[in-house]
């Protein structure tokens, strides 16, 4: 992520596209193939997603999933009525 930020600040590349890529990665999403190729060409190296993906605490993950299931169940109940 730091390398992408340096590309943005240096003006080396399409700033809008690089900012989009940066935000996409910060959200833990996988890049589109074309964006991955673009970024790798700008950085001159392959991207290791394991180093980029934000680490999430397992308890936080479980609570997020519980919240999503509760929300889904509420929507199902409302739809049935």
PDB file of N, CA and C in Angstrom:
ATOM      1  N   UNK A   1       0.825  -1.192   0.000  1.00  0.00           N
ATOM      2  CA  UNK A   1       0.000   0.000   0.000  1.00  0.00           C
ATOM      3  C   UNK A   1       0.868   1.253   0.000  1.00  0.00           C
ATOM      4  N   UNK A   2       1.968   1.185   0.716  1.00  0.00           N
ATOM      5  CA  UNK A   2       2.888   2.322   0.766  1.00  0.00           C
ATOM      6  C   UNK A   2       3.447   2.628  -0.617  1.00  0.00           C
ATOM      7  N   UNK A   3       3.777   1.588  -1.365  1.00  0.00           N
ATOM      8  CA  UNK A   3       4.319   1.782  -2.704  1.00  0.00           C
ATOM      9  C   UNK A   3       3.302   2.439  -3.628  1.00  0.00           C
ATOM     10  N   UNK A   4       2.044   2.075  -3.473  1.00  0.00           N
ATOM     11  CA  UNK A   4       0.991   2.678  -4.296  1.00  0.00           C
ATOM     12  C   UNK A   4       0.843   4.153  -3.922  1.00  0.00           C
ATOM     13  N   UNK A   5       0.894   4.448  -2.623  1.00  0.00           N
ATOM     14  CA  UNK A   5       0.793   5.836  -2.172  1.00  0.00           C
ATOM     15  C   UNK A   5       1.952   6.666  -2.729  1.00  0.00           C
ATOM     16  N   UNK A   6       3.137   6.070  -2.811  1.00  0.00           N
ATOM     17  CA  UNK A   6       4.290   6.778  -3.371  1.00  0.00           C
ATOM     18  C   UNK A   6       4.087   7.057  -4.854  1.00  0.00           C
ATOM     19  N   UNK A   7       3.487   6.099  -5.571  1.00  0.00           N
ATOM     20  CA  UNK A   7       3.193   6.313  -6.989  1.00  0.00           C
ATOM     21  C   UNK A   7       2.228   7.489  -7.158  1.00  0.00           C
ATOM     22  N   UNK A   8       1.205   7.530  -6.303  1.00  0.00           N
ATOM     23  CA  UNK A   8       0.218   8.600  -6.371  1.00  0.00           C
ATOM     24  C   UNK A   8       0.888   9.944  -6.114  1.00  0.00           C
ATOM     25  N   UNK A   9       1.695  10.029  -5.027  1.00  0.00           N
ATOM     26  CA  UNK A   9       2.329  11.314  -4.696  1.00  0.00           C
ATOM     27  C   UNK A   9       3.345  11.766  -5.727  1.00  0.00           C
ATOM     28  N   UNK A  10       3.994  10.818  -6.373  1.00  0.00           N
ATOM     29  CA  UNK A  10       5.015  11.182  -7.360  1.00  0.00           C
ATOM     30  C   UNK A  10       4.398  11.551  -8.710  1.00  0.00           C
ATOM     31  N   UNK A  11       3.111  11.238  -8.879  1.00  0.00           N
ATOM     32  CA  UNK A  11       2.455  11.527 -10.155  1.00  0.00           C
ATOM     33  C   UNK A  11       2.845  10.534 -11.232  1.00  0.00           C
ATOM     34  N   UNK A  12       3.427   9.412 -10.821  1.00  0.00           N
ATOM     35  CA  UNK A  12       3.865   8.378 -11.758  1.00  0.00           C
ATOM     36  C   UNK A  12       2.698   7.435 -12.058  1.00  0.00           C
ATOM     37  N   UNK A  13       1.935   7.759 -13.085  1.00  0.00           N
ATOM     38  CA  UNK A  13       0.797   6.924 -13.456  1.00  0.00           C
ATOM     39  C   UNK A  13      -0.500   7.704 -13.385  1.00  0.00           C
ATOM     40  N   UNK A  14      -1.582   6.991 -13.601  1.00  0.00           N
ATOM     41  CA  UNK A  14      -2.922   7.574 -13.572  1.00  0.00           C
ATOM     42  C   UNK A  14      -3.351   7.711 -12.109  1.00  0.00           C
ATOM     43  N   UNK A  15      -3.317   8.931 -11.605  1.00  0.00           N
ATOM     44  CA  UNK A  15      -3.586   9.177 -10.189  1.00  0.00           C
ATOM     45  C   UNK A  15      -4.958   8.662  -9.758  1.00  0.00           C
ATOM     46  N   UNK A  16      -5.985   8.926 -10.563  1.00  0.00           N
ATOM     47  CA  UNK A  16      -7.336   8.471 -10.222  1.00  0.00           C
ATOM     48  C   UNK A  16      -7.416   6.962 -10.131  1.00  0.00           C
ATOM     49  N   UNK A  17      -6.805   6.297 -11.089  1.00  0.00           N
ATOM     50  CA  UNK A  17      -6.827   4.836 -11.101  1.00  0.00           C
ATOM     51  C   UNK A  17      -6.044   4.276  -9.908  1.00  0.00           C
ATOM     52  N   UNK A  18      -4.904   4.871  -9.619  1.00  0.00           N
ATOM     53  CA  UNK A  18      -4.099   4.404  -8.490  1.00  0.00           C
ATOM     54  C   UNK A  18      -4.829   4.618  -7.163  1.00  0.00           C
ATOM     55  N   UNK A  19      -5.538   5.737  -7.025  1.00  0.00           N
ATOM     56  CA  UNK A  19      -6.306   5.978  -5.800  1.00  0.00           C
ATOM     57  C   UNK A  19      -7.451   4.978  -5.676  1.00  0.00           C
ATOM     58  N   UNK A  20      -8.098   4.664  -6.797  1.00  0.00           N
ATOM     59  CA  UNK A  20      -9.160   3.654  -6.799  1.00  0.00           C
ATOM     60  C   UNK A  20      -8.592   2.309  -6.339  1.00  0.00           C
ATOM     61  N   UNK A  21      -7.442   1.939  -6.906  1.00  0.00           N
ATOM     62  CA  UNK A  21      -6.794   0.669  -6.550  1.00  0.00           C
ATOM     63  C   UNK A  21      -6.444   0.658  -5.074  1.00  0.00           C
ATOM     64  N   UNK A  22      -5.916   1.759  -4.588  1.00  0.00           N
ATOM     65  CA  UNK A  22      -5.522   1.856  -3.180  1.00  0.00           C
ATOM     66  C   UNK A  22      -6.726   1.648  -2.264  1.00  0.00           C
ATOM     67  N   UNK A  23      -7.824   2.340  -2.544  1.00  0.00           N
ATOM     68  CA  UNK A  23      -9.028   2.196  -1.720  1.00  0.00           C
ATOM     69  C   UNK A  23      -9.608   0.790  -1.807  1.00  0.00           C
ATOM     70  N   UNK A  24      -9.587   0.231  -2.996  1.00  0.00           N
ATOM     71  CA  UNK A  24     -10.088  -1.127  -3.219  1.00  0.00           C
ATOM     72  C   UNK A  24      -9.324  -2.120  -2.341  1.00  0.00           C
ATOM     73  N   UNK A  25      -7.998  -1.988  -2.330  1.00  0.00           N
ATOM     74  CA  UNK A  25      -7.159  -2.894  -1.543  1.00  0.00           C
ATOM     75  C   UNK A  25      -7.329  -2.662  -0.043  1.00  0.00           C
ATOM     76  N   UNK A  26      -7.504  -1.422   0.358  1.00  0.00           N
ATOM     77  CA  UNK A  26      -7.715  -1.119   1.779  1.00  0.00           C
ATOM     78  C   UNK A  26      -8.985  -1.775   2.294  1.00  0.00           C
ATOM     79  N   UNK A  27      -9.961  -1.950   1.392  1.00  0.00           N
ATOM     80  CA  UNK A  27     -11.223  -2.590   1.767  1.00  0.00           C
ATOM     81  C   UNK A  27     -11.126  -4.110   1.755  1.00  0.00           C
ATOM     82  N   UNK A  28      -9.927  -4.615   1.419  1.00  0.00           N
ATOM     83  CA  UNK A  28      -9.729  -6.060   1.407  1.00  0.00           C
ATOM     84  C   UNK A  28     -10.253  -6.745   0.166  1.00  0.00           C
ATOM     85  N   UNK A  29     -10.538  -5.979  -0.869  1.00  0.00           N
ATOM     86  CA  UNK A  29     -11.072  -6.558  -2.098  1.00  0.00           C
ATOM     87  C   UNK A  29      -9.940  -6.973  -3.024  1.00  0.00           C
ATOM     88  N   UNK A  30     -10.222  -7.930  -3.886  1.00  0.00           N
ATOM     89  CA  UNK A  30      -9.259  -8.384  -4.887  1.00  0.00           C
ATOM     90  C   UNK A  30      -9.402  -7.518  -6.122  1.00  0.00           C
ATOM     91  N   UNK A  31      -8.274  -7.109  -6.661  1.00  0.00           N
ATOM     92  CA  UNK A  31      -8.284  -6.231  -7.829  1.00  0.00           C
ATOM     93  C   UNK A  31      -8.796  -6.942  -9.065  1.00  0.00           C
ATOM     94  N   UNK A  32      -9.376  -6.150  -9.973  1.00  0.00           N
ATOM     95  CA  UNK A  32      -9.698  -6.659 -11.297  1.00  0.00           C
ATOM     96  C   UNK A  32      -8.369  -6.997 -11.975  1.00  0.00           C
ATOM     97  N   UNK A  33      -8.405  -7.959 -12.856  1.00  0.00           N
ATOM     98  CA  UNK A  33      -7.172  -8.402 -13.523  1.00  0.00           C
ATOM     99  C   UNK A  33      -6.459  -7.244 -14.228  1.00  0.00           C
ATOM    100  N   UNK A  34      -7.225  -6.393 -14.902  1.00  0.00           N
ATOM    101  CA  UNK A  34      -6.604  -5.274 -15.620  1.00  0.00           C
ATOM    102  C   UNK A  34      -5.914  -4.302 -14.659  1.00  0.00           C
ATOM    103  N   UNK A  35      -6.546  -4.047 -13.496  1.00  0.00           N
ATOM    104  CA  UNK A  35      -5.925  -3.168 -12.502  1.00  0.00           C
ATOM    105  C   UNK A  35      -4.697  -3.824 -11.888  1.00  0.00           C
ATOM    106  N   UNK A  36      -4.769  -5.130 -11.681  1.00  0.00           N
ATOM    107  CA  UNK A  36      -3.619  -5.860 -11.137  1.00  0.00           C
ATOM    108  C   UNK A  36      -2.436  -5.770 -12.103  1.00  0.00           C
ATOM    109  N   UNK A  37      -2.713  -5.973 -13.387  1.00  0.00           N
ATOM    110  CA  UNK A  37      -1.646  -5.894 -14.389  1.00  0.00           C
ATOM    111  C   UNK A  37      -1.078  -4.479 -14.471  1.00  0.00           C
ATOM    112  N   UNK A  38      -1.955  -3.486 -14.417  1.00  0.00           N
ATOM    113  CA  UNK A  38      -1.513  -2.092 -14.460  1.00  0.00           C
ATOM    114  C   UNK A  38      -0.588  -1.789 -13.271  1.00  0.00           C
ATOM    115  N   UNK A  39      -1.038  -2.186 -12.086  1.00  0.00           N
ATOM    116  CA  UNK A  39      -0.263  -1.918 -10.875  1.00  0.00           C
ATOM    117  C   UNK A  39       1.078  -2.640 -10.904  1.00  0.00           C
ATOM    118  N   UNK A  40       1.055  -3.901 -11.316  1.00  0.00           N
ATOM    119  CA  UNK A  40       2.299  -4.663 -11.387  1.00  0.00           C
ATOM    120  C   UNK A  40       3.268  -4.040 -12.391  1.00  0.00           C
ATOM    121  N   UNK A  41       2.749  -3.480 -13.492  1.00  0.00           N
ATOM    122  CA  UNK A  41       3.626  -2.837 -14.473  1.00  0.00           C
ATOM    123  C   UNK A  41       4.225  -1.553 -13.891  1.00  0.00           C
ATOM    124  N   UNK A  42       3.444  -0.827 -13.089  1.00  0.00           N
ATOM    125  CA  UNK A  42       3.946   0.397 -12.465  1.00  0.00           C
ATOM    126  C   UNK A  42       4.959   0.100 -11.364  1.00  0.00           C
ATOM    127  N   UNK A  43       4.713  -0.966 -10.603  1.00  0.00           N
ATOM    128  CA  UNK A  43       5.611  -1.313  -9.493  1.00  0.00           C
ATOM    129  C   UNK A  43       6.812  -2.135  -9.954  1.00  0.00           C
ATOM    130  N   UNK A  44       6.660  -2.794 -11.103  1.00  0.00           N
ATOM    131  CA  UNK A  44       7.737  -3.638 -11.597  1.00  0.00           C
ATOM    132  C   UNK A  44       7.882  -4.933 -10.822  1.00  0.00           C
ATOM    133  N   UNK A  45       6.800  -5.372 -10.210  1.00  0.00           N
ATOM    134  CA  UNK A  45       6.836  -6.627  -9.440  1.00  0.00           C
ATOM    135  C   UNK A  45       5.431  -7.195  -9.291  1.00  0.00           C
ATOM    136  N   UNK A  46       5.361  -8.481  -8.967  1.00  0.00           N
ATOM    137  CA  UNK A  46       4.084  -9.155  -8.714  1.00  0.00           C
ATOM    138  C   UNK A  46       3.534  -8.696  -7.368  1.00  0.00           C
ATOM    139  N   UNK A  47       2.225  -8.757  -7.239  1.00  0.00           N
ATOM    140  CA  UNK A  47       1.561  -8.357  -5.999  1.00  0.00           C
ATOM    141  C   UNK A  47       1.289  -9.589  -5.155  1.00  0.00           C
ATOM    142  N   UNK A  48       1.671  -9.534  -3.881  1.00  0.00           N
ATOM    143  CA  UNK A  48       1.371 -10.605  -2.941  1.00  0.00           C
ATOM    144  C   UNK A  48       0.196 -10.140  -2.083  1.00  0.00           C
ATOM    145  N   UNK A  49      -0.996 -10.636  -2.391  1.00  0.00           N
ATOM    146  CA  UNK A  49      -2.199 -10.183  -1.693  1.00  0.00           C
ATOM    147  C   UNK A  49      -2.194 -10.531  -0.210  1.00  0.00           C
ATOM    148  N   UNK A  50      -1.457 -11.555   0.180  1.00  0.00           N
ATOM    149  CA  UNK A  50      -1.398 -11.926   1.598  1.00  0.00           C
ATOM    150  C   UNK A  50      -0.772 -10.801   2.421  1.00  0.00           C
ATOM    151  N   UNK A  51       0.129 -10.044   1.807  1.00  0.00           N
ATOM    152  CA  UNK A  51       0.779  -8.940   2.511  1.00  0.00           C
ATOM    153  C   UNK A  51      -0.105  -7.700   2.563  1.00  0.00           C
ATOM    154  N   UNK A  52      -1.081  -7.617   1.667  1.00  0.00           N
ATOM    155  CA  UNK A  52      -1.905  -6.417   1.560  1.00  0.00           C
ATOM    156  C   UNK A  52      -3.194  -6.529   2.360  1.00  0.00           C
ATOM    157  N   UNK A  53      -3.810  -7.718   2.336  1.00  0.00           N
ATOM    158  CA  UNK A  53      -5.138  -7.897   2.934  1.00  0.00           C
ATOM    159  C   UNK A  53      -5.138  -7.491   4.397  1.00  0.00           C
ATOM    160  N   UNK A  54      -6.089  -6.636   4.786  1.00  0.00           N
ATOM    161  CA  UNK A  54      -6.169  -6.243   6.188  1.00  0.00           C
ATOM    162  C   UNK A  54      -6.502  -7.447   7.058  1.00  0.00           C
ATOM    163  N   UNK A  55      -5.805  -7.560   8.143  1.00  0.00           N
ATOM    164  CA  UNK A  55      -6.035  -8.673   9.061  1.00  0.00           C
ATOM    165  C   UNK A  55      -7.222  -8.320   9.947  1.00  0.00           C
ATOM    166  N   UNK A  56      -8.137  -9.255  10.067  1.00  0.00           N
ATOM    167  CA  UNK A  56      -9.319  -9.006  10.879  1.00  0.00           C
ATOM    168  C   UNK A  56      -9.340 -10.012  12.017  1.00  0.00           C
ATOM    169  N   UNK A  57      -9.592  -9.523  13.200  1.00  0.00           N
ATOM    170  CA  UNK A  57      -9.687 -10.358  14.384  1.00  0.00           C
ATOM    171  C   UNK A  57     -10.823 -11.362  14.202  1.00  0.00           C
ATOM    172  N   UNK A  58     -10.600 -12.625  14.590  1.00  0.00           N
ATOM    173  CA  UNK A  58     -11.623 -13.651  14.375  1.00  0.00           C
ATOM    174  C   UNK A  58     -12.904 -13.331  15.146  1.00  0.00           C
ATOM    175  N   UNK A  59     -12.797 -12.735  16.336  1.00  0.00           N
ATOM    176  CA  UNK A  59     -14.006 -12.351  17.082  1.00  0.00           C
ATOM    177  C   UNK A  59     -14.778 -11.270  16.346  1.00  0.00           C
ATOM    178  N   UNK A  60     -14.048 -10.343  15.738  1.00  0.00           N
ATOM    179  CA  UNK A  60     -14.695  -9.294  14.957  1.00  0.00           C
ATOM    180  C   UNK A  60     -15.410  -9.895  13.751  1.00  0.00           C
ATOM    181  N   UNK A  61     -14.768 -10.866  13.107  1.00  0.00           N
ATOM    182  CA  UNK A  61     -15.367 -11.538  11.961  1.00  0.00           C
ATOM    183  C   UNK A  61     -16.645 -12.254  12.366  1.00  0.00           C
ATOM    184  N   UNK A  62     -16.615 -12.963  13.475  1.00  0.00           N
ATOM    185  CA  UNK A  62     -17.780 -13.698  13.964  1.00  0.00           C
ATOM    186  C   UNK A  62     -18.920 -12.735  14.280  1.00  0.00           C
ATOM    187  N   UNK A  63     -18.612 -11.619  14.940  1.00  0.00           N
ATOM    188  CA  UNK A  63     -19.651 -10.635  15.274  1.00  0.00           C
ATOM    189  C   UNK A  63     -20.245 -10.012  14.013  1.00  0.00           C
ATOM    190  N   UNK A  64     -19.413  -9.764  13.029  1.00  0.00           N
ATOM    191  CA  UNK A  64     -19.900  -9.217  11.758  1.00  0.00           C
ATOM    192  C   UNK A  64     -20.849 -10.209  11.095  1.00  0.00           C
ATOM    193  N   UNK A  65     -20.470 -11.471  11.068  1.00  0.00           N
ATOM    194  CA  UNK A  65     -21.319 -12.494  10.463  1.00  0.00           C
ATOM    195  C   UNK A  65     -22.632 -12.658  11.218  1.00  0.00           C
ATOM    196  N   UNK A  66     -22.582 -12.628  12.545  1.00  0.00           N
ATOM    197  CA  UNK A  66     -23.809 -12.727  13.348  1.00  0.00           C
ATOM    198  C   UNK A  66     -24.750 -11.576  13.014  1.00  0.00           C
ATOM    199  N   UNK A  67     -24.185 -10.387  12.894  1.00  0.00           N
ATOM    200  CA  UNK A  67     -24.977  -9.204  12.572  1.00  0.00           C
ATOM    201  C   UNK A  67     -25.635  -9.348  11.202  1.00  0.00           C
ATOM    202  N   UNK A  68     -24.881  -9.858  10.244  1.00  0.00           N
ATOM    203  CA  UNK A  68     -25.422 -10.043   8.897  1.00  0.00           C
ATOM    204  C   UNK A  68     -26.528 -11.089   8.873  1.00  0.00           C
ATOM    205  N   UNK A  69     -26.379 -12.153   9.629  1.00  0.00           N
ATOM    206  CA  UNK A  69     -27.408 -13.199   9.690  1.00  0.00           C
ATOM    207  C   UNK A  69     -28.673 -12.647  10.353  1.00  0.00           C
ATOM    208  N   UNK A  70     -28.506 -11.886  11.417  1.00  0.00           N
ATOM    209  CA  UNK A  70     -29.658 -11.290  12.097  1.00  0.00           C
ATOM    210  C   UNK A  70     -30.406 -10.370  11.150  1.00  0.00           C
ATOM    211  N   UNK A  71     -29.664  -9.535  10.424  1.00  0.00           N
ATOM    212  CA  UNK A  71     -30.280  -8.622   9.461  1.00  0.00           C
ATOM    213  C   UNK A  71     -31.029  -9.392   8.377  1.00  0.00           C
ATOM    214  N   UNK A  72     -30.412 -10.456   7.857  1.00  0.00           N
ATOM    215  CA  UNK A  72     -31.048 -11.269   6.810  1.00  0.00           C
ATOM    216  C   UNK A  72     -32.335 -11.913   7.327  1.00  0.00           C
ATOM    217  N   UNK A  73     -32.296 -12.427   8.546  1.00  0.00           N
ATOM    218  CA  UNK A  73     -33.493 -13.040   9.135  1.00  0.00           C
ATOM    219  C   UNK A  73     -34.612 -12.022   9.294  1.00  0.00           C
ATOM    220  N   UNK A  74     -34.264 -10.793   9.690  1.00  0.00           N
ATOM    221  CA  UNK A  74     -35.282  -9.750   9.816  1.00  0.00           C
ATOM    222  C   UNK A  74     -35.906  -9.426   8.465  1.00  0.00           C
ATOM    223  N   UNK A  75     -35.083  -9.345   7.427  1.00  0.00           N
ATOM    224  CA  UNK A  75     -35.595  -9.066   6.081  1.00  0.00           C
ATOM    225  C   UNK A  75     -36.529 -10.186   5.606  1.00  0.00           C
ATOM    226  N   UNK A  76     -36.160 -11.436   5.901  1.00  0.00           N
ATOM    227  CA  UNK A  76     -36.991 -12.583   5.513  1.00  0.00           C
ATOM    228  C   UNK A  76     -38.341 -12.509   6.217  1.00  0.00           C
ATOM    229  N   UNK A  77     -38.324 -12.196   7.501  1.00  0.00           N
ATOM    230  CA  UNK A  77     -39.557 -12.099   8.281  1.00  0.00           C
ATOM    231  C   UNK A  77     -40.453 -11.003   7.751  1.00  0.00           C
ATOM    232  N   UNK A  78     -39.882  -9.851   7.438  1.00  0.00           N
ATOM    233  CA  UNK A  78     -40.657  -8.726   6.900  1.00  0.00           C
ATOM    234  C   UNK A  78     -41.243  -9.095   5.537  1.00  0.00           C
ATOM    235  N   UNK A  79     -40.474  -9.772   4.703  1.00  0.00           N
ATOM    236  CA  UNK A  79     -40.939 -10.140   3.372  1.00  0.00           C
ATOM    237  C   UNK A  79     -42.102 -11.118   3.439  1.00  0.00           C
ATOM    238  N   UNK A  80     -42.081 -12.008   4.402  1.00  0.00           N
ATOM    239  CA  UNK A  80     -43.131 -13.012   4.523  1.00  0.00           C
ATOM    240  C   UNK A  80     -44.443 -12.409   5.004  1.00  0.00           C
ATOM    241  N   UNK A  81     -44.376 -11.294   5.725  1.00  0.00           N
ATOM    242  CA  UNK A  81     -45.593 -10.683   6.290  1.00  0.00           C
ATOM    243  C   UNK A  81     -46.216  -9.736   5.371  1.00  0.00           C
TER     244      UNK A  81
END
